[in-house]
Amino acid sequence: MYCPKSPTDKQIAYADVIAKTLNIDFPQSSRDFTRAKYRAFISAHVDEYKEQIQGDDPAYEDEMTWFQMLNG
């Protein structure tokens, strides 16, 4: 029986920041708790997230800078 992989800790943290910034509920169920679903969510919303962050912080460089701050 196929068991989908769980999302990585980095995916969970990044998706959480994106969801909170854009006011999106994610994940919505246990069915969303897969690496593929998190990858798809991040890909679908990363550009909108970057635009939001750039508008809030003129010193913004890229999403990796912000992501690295989350992970110390």
N, C-alpha and C. Protein backbone atom coordinates (compact mmCIF):
# COMPACT_ATOMS: atom_id res chain seq x y z
N MET A 1 0.83 -1.18 0.00
CA MET A 1 0.00 0.00 0.00
C MET A 1 0.88 1.25 0.00
N TYR A 2 0.58 2.19 -0.87
CA TYR A 2 1.34 3.44 -0.99
C TYR A 2 1.03 4.37 0.17
N CYS A 3 2.06 4.88 0.79
CA CYS A 3 1.90 5.83 1.88
C CYS A 3 2.66 7.10 1.50
N PRO A 4 1.95 8.20 1.22
CA PRO A 4 2.63 9.43 0.80
C PRO A 4 3.56 9.95 1.88
N LYS A 5 4.66 10.58 1.43
CA LYS A 5 5.62 11.14 2.36
C LYS A 5 5.05 12.36 3.04
N SER A 6 5.40 12.53 4.31
CA SER A 6 5.01 13.72 5.06
C SER A 6 5.82 14.90 4.57
N PRO A 7 5.28 16.12 4.70
CA PRO A 7 6.05 17.30 4.31
C PRO A 7 7.26 17.47 5.22
N THR A 8 8.28 18.14 4.69
CA THR A 8 9.47 18.41 5.49
C THR A 8 9.15 19.53 6.48
N ASP A 9 9.98 19.65 7.50
CA ASP A 9 9.80 20.72 8.48
C ASP A 9 9.90 22.09 7.80
N LYS A 10 10.79 22.22 6.83
CA LYS A 10 10.94 23.49 6.11
C LYS A 10 9.70 23.80 5.29
N GLN A 11 9.13 22.78 4.64
CA GLN A 11 7.89 23.00 3.89
C GLN A 11 6.77 23.45 4.82
N ILE A 12 6.66 22.80 5.96
CA ILE A 12 5.60 23.15 6.92
C ILE A 12 5.76 24.59 7.38
N ALA A 13 6.99 24.98 7.73
CA ALA A 13 7.24 26.34 8.21
C ALA A 13 6.96 27.37 7.12
N TYR A 14 7.41 27.11 5.91
CA TYR A 14 7.23 28.05 4.80
C TYR A 14 5.75 28.17 4.42
N ALA A 15 5.06 27.03 4.33
CA ALA A 15 3.63 27.06 4.01
C ALA A 15 2.85 27.79 5.09
N ASP A 16 3.25 27.62 6.33
CA ASP A 16 2.58 28.31 7.44
C ASP A 16 2.74 29.82 7.32
N VAL A 17 3.94 30.28 7.01
CA VAL A 17 4.18 31.72 6.85
C VAL A 17 3.39 32.26 5.66
N ILE A 18 3.38 31.53 4.55
CA ILE A 18 2.62 31.95 3.38
C ILE A 18 1.13 32.04 3.72
N ALA A 19 0.61 30.99 4.36
CA ALA A 19 -0.82 30.95 4.70
C ALA A 19 -1.20 32.10 5.62
N LYS A 20 -0.38 32.37 6.63
CA LYS A 20 -0.68 33.45 7.57
C LYS A 20 -0.58 34.81 6.89
N THR A 21 0.44 35.00 6.06
CA THR A 21 0.63 36.28 5.37
C THR A 21 -0.51 36.57 4.42
N LEU A 22 -0.97 35.54 3.71
CA LEU A 22 -2.02 35.72 2.71
C LEU A 22 -3.42 35.44 3.27
N ASN A 23 -3.48 35.09 4.56
CA ASN A 23 -4.76 34.80 5.21
C ASN A 23 -5.50 33.65 4.52
N ILE A 24 -4.78 32.55 4.32
CA ILE A 24 -5.30 31.35 3.67
C ILE A 24 -5.29 30.22 4.70
N ASP A 25 -6.34 29.44 4.77
CA ASP A 25 -6.36 28.27 5.64
C ASP A 25 -5.69 27.09 4.94
N PHE A 26 -4.57 26.66 5.48
CA PHE A 26 -3.86 25.50 4.95
C PHE A 26 -3.01 24.90 6.05
N PRO A 27 -2.97 23.62 6.22
CA PRO A 27 -3.79 22.61 5.55
C PRO A 27 -5.21 22.61 6.10
N GLN A 28 -6.11 22.10 5.29
CA GLN A 28 -7.51 22.07 5.69
C GLN A 28 -7.93 20.71 6.22
N SER A 29 -7.18 19.69 5.93
CA SER A 29 -7.50 18.35 6.43
C SER A 29 -6.22 17.51 6.46
N SER A 30 -6.33 16.34 7.04
CA SER A 30 -5.18 15.44 7.08
C SER A 30 -4.77 14.98 5.68
N ARG A 31 -5.68 15.06 4.74
CA ARG A 31 -5.36 14.68 3.35
C ARG A 31 -4.38 15.65 2.72
N ASP A 32 -4.29 16.86 3.25
CA ASP A 32 -3.35 17.86 2.75
C ASP A 32 -1.95 17.67 3.31
N PHE A 33 -1.78 16.79 4.29
CA PHE A 33 -0.50 16.65 4.97
C PHE A 33 0.42 15.67 4.23
N THR A 34 0.78 16.06 3.00
CA THR A 34 1.73 15.29 2.21
C THR A 34 2.76 16.24 1.62
N ARG A 35 3.91 15.71 1.33
CA ARG A 35 4.98 16.51 0.74
C ARG A 35 4.52 17.13 -0.59
N ALA A 36 3.82 16.35 -1.40
CA ALA A 36 3.36 16.84 -2.71
C ALA A 36 2.35 17.97 -2.56
N LYS A 37 1.42 17.84 -1.62
CA LYS A 37 0.41 18.90 -1.41
C LYS A 37 1.07 20.19 -0.93
N TYR A 38 2.05 20.08 -0.03
CA TYR A 38 2.75 21.27 0.45
C TYR A 38 3.55 21.92 -0.67
N ARG A 39 4.21 21.10 -1.48
CA ARG A 39 4.98 21.62 -2.61
C ARG A 39 4.04 22.36 -3.57
N ALA A 40 2.88 21.79 -3.85
CA ALA A 40 1.92 22.43 -4.75
C ALA A 40 1.38 23.73 -4.15
N PHE A 41 1.09 23.73 -2.85
CA PHE A 41 0.60 24.94 -2.18
C PHE A 41 1.64 26.05 -2.25
N ILE A 42 2.87 25.73 -1.92
CA ILE A 42 3.94 26.73 -1.94
C ILE A 42 4.12 27.27 -3.35
N SER A 43 4.17 26.41 -4.32
CA SER A 43 4.33 26.83 -5.72
C SER A 43 3.18 27.72 -6.19
N ALA A 44 1.98 27.39 -5.77
CA ALA A 44 0.80 28.14 -6.20
C ALA A 44 0.74 29.54 -5.58
N HIS A 45 1.35 29.73 -4.40
CA HIS A 45 1.17 30.99 -3.67
C HIS A 45 2.45 31.78 -3.43
N VAL A 46 3.60 31.24 -3.83
CA VAL A 46 4.86 31.90 -3.51
C VAL A 46 4.99 33.28 -4.17
N ASP A 47 4.53 33.44 -5.39
CA ASP A 47 4.65 34.74 -6.07
C ASP A 47 3.80 35.81 -5.38
N GLU A 48 2.57 35.44 -5.02
CA GLU A 48 1.70 36.37 -4.31
C GLU A 48 2.30 36.72 -2.94
N TYR A 49 2.88 35.72 -2.28
CA TYR A 49 3.53 35.93 -0.99
C TYR A 49 4.70 36.91 -1.13
N LYS A 50 5.54 36.70 -2.15
CA LYS A 50 6.68 37.59 -2.37
C LYS A 50 6.23 39.02 -2.63
N GLU A 51 5.19 39.17 -3.42
CA GLU A 51 4.65 40.52 -3.69
C GLU A 51 4.17 41.18 -2.40
N GLN A 52 3.50 40.42 -1.55
CA GLN A 52 3.00 40.95 -0.28
C GLN A 52 4.17 41.38 0.61
N ILE A 53 5.19 40.53 0.71
CA ILE A 53 6.34 40.84 1.55
C ILE A 53 7.12 42.03 1.00
N GLN A 54 7.29 42.09 -0.29
CA GLN A 54 8.01 43.22 -0.89
C GLN A 54 7.29 44.53 -0.61
N GLY A 55 5.97 44.51 -0.65
CA GLY A 55 5.20 45.71 -0.39
C GLY A 55 5.31 46.15 1.06
N ASP A 56 5.52 45.20 1.97
CA ASP A 56 5.62 45.51 3.39
C ASP A 56 7.03 45.87 3.82
N ASP A 57 8.04 45.43 3.08
CA ASP A 57 9.42 45.62 3.50
C ASP A 57 10.29 45.99 2.29
N PRO A 58 10.65 47.27 2.16
CA PRO A 58 11.46 47.67 1.00
C PRO A 58 12.85 47.05 0.99
N ALA A 59 13.31 46.51 2.12
CA ALA A 59 14.63 45.89 2.17
C ALA A 59 14.59 44.42 1.78
N TYR A 60 13.43 43.94 1.38
CA TYR A 60 13.25 42.54 0.99
C TYR A 60 14.16 42.19 -0.18
N GLU A 61 14.87 41.06 -0.08
CA GLU A 61 15.74 40.63 -1.17
C GLU A 61 15.12 39.47 -1.95
N ASP A 62 14.80 38.40 -1.28
CA ASP A 62 14.14 37.26 -1.92
C ASP A 62 13.52 36.37 -0.86
N GLU A 63 12.73 35.39 -1.27
CA GLU A 63 12.03 34.58 -0.29
C GLU A 63 12.97 33.72 0.53
N MET A 64 14.15 33.40 0.02
CA MET A 64 15.08 32.59 0.78
C MET A 64 15.64 33.35 1.97
N THR A 65 15.85 34.65 1.83
CA THR A 65 16.31 35.45 2.96
C THR A 65 15.30 35.36 4.09
N TRP A 66 14.04 35.54 3.76
CA TRP A 66 12.97 35.46 4.76
C TRP A 66 12.89 34.06 5.34
N PHE A 67 12.99 33.06 4.48
CA PHE A 67 12.89 31.67 4.91
C PHE A 67 14.05 31.32 5.83
N GLN A 68 15.25 31.79 5.53
CA GLN A 68 16.41 31.51 6.36
C GLN A 68 16.25 32.15 7.74
N MET A 69 15.61 33.30 7.82
CA MET A 69 15.38 33.94 9.11
C MET A 69 14.48 33.06 9.98
N LEU A 70 13.55 32.36 9.37
CA LEU A 70 12.65 31.49 10.12
C LEU A 70 13.40 30.30 10.71
N ASN A 71 14.43 29.86 10.01
CA ASN A 71 15.14 28.65 10.40
C ASN A 71 16.44 28.93 11.15
N GLY A 72 16.65 30.18 11.52
CA GLY A 72 17.81 30.56 12.32
C GLY A 72 19.04 30.45 11.55
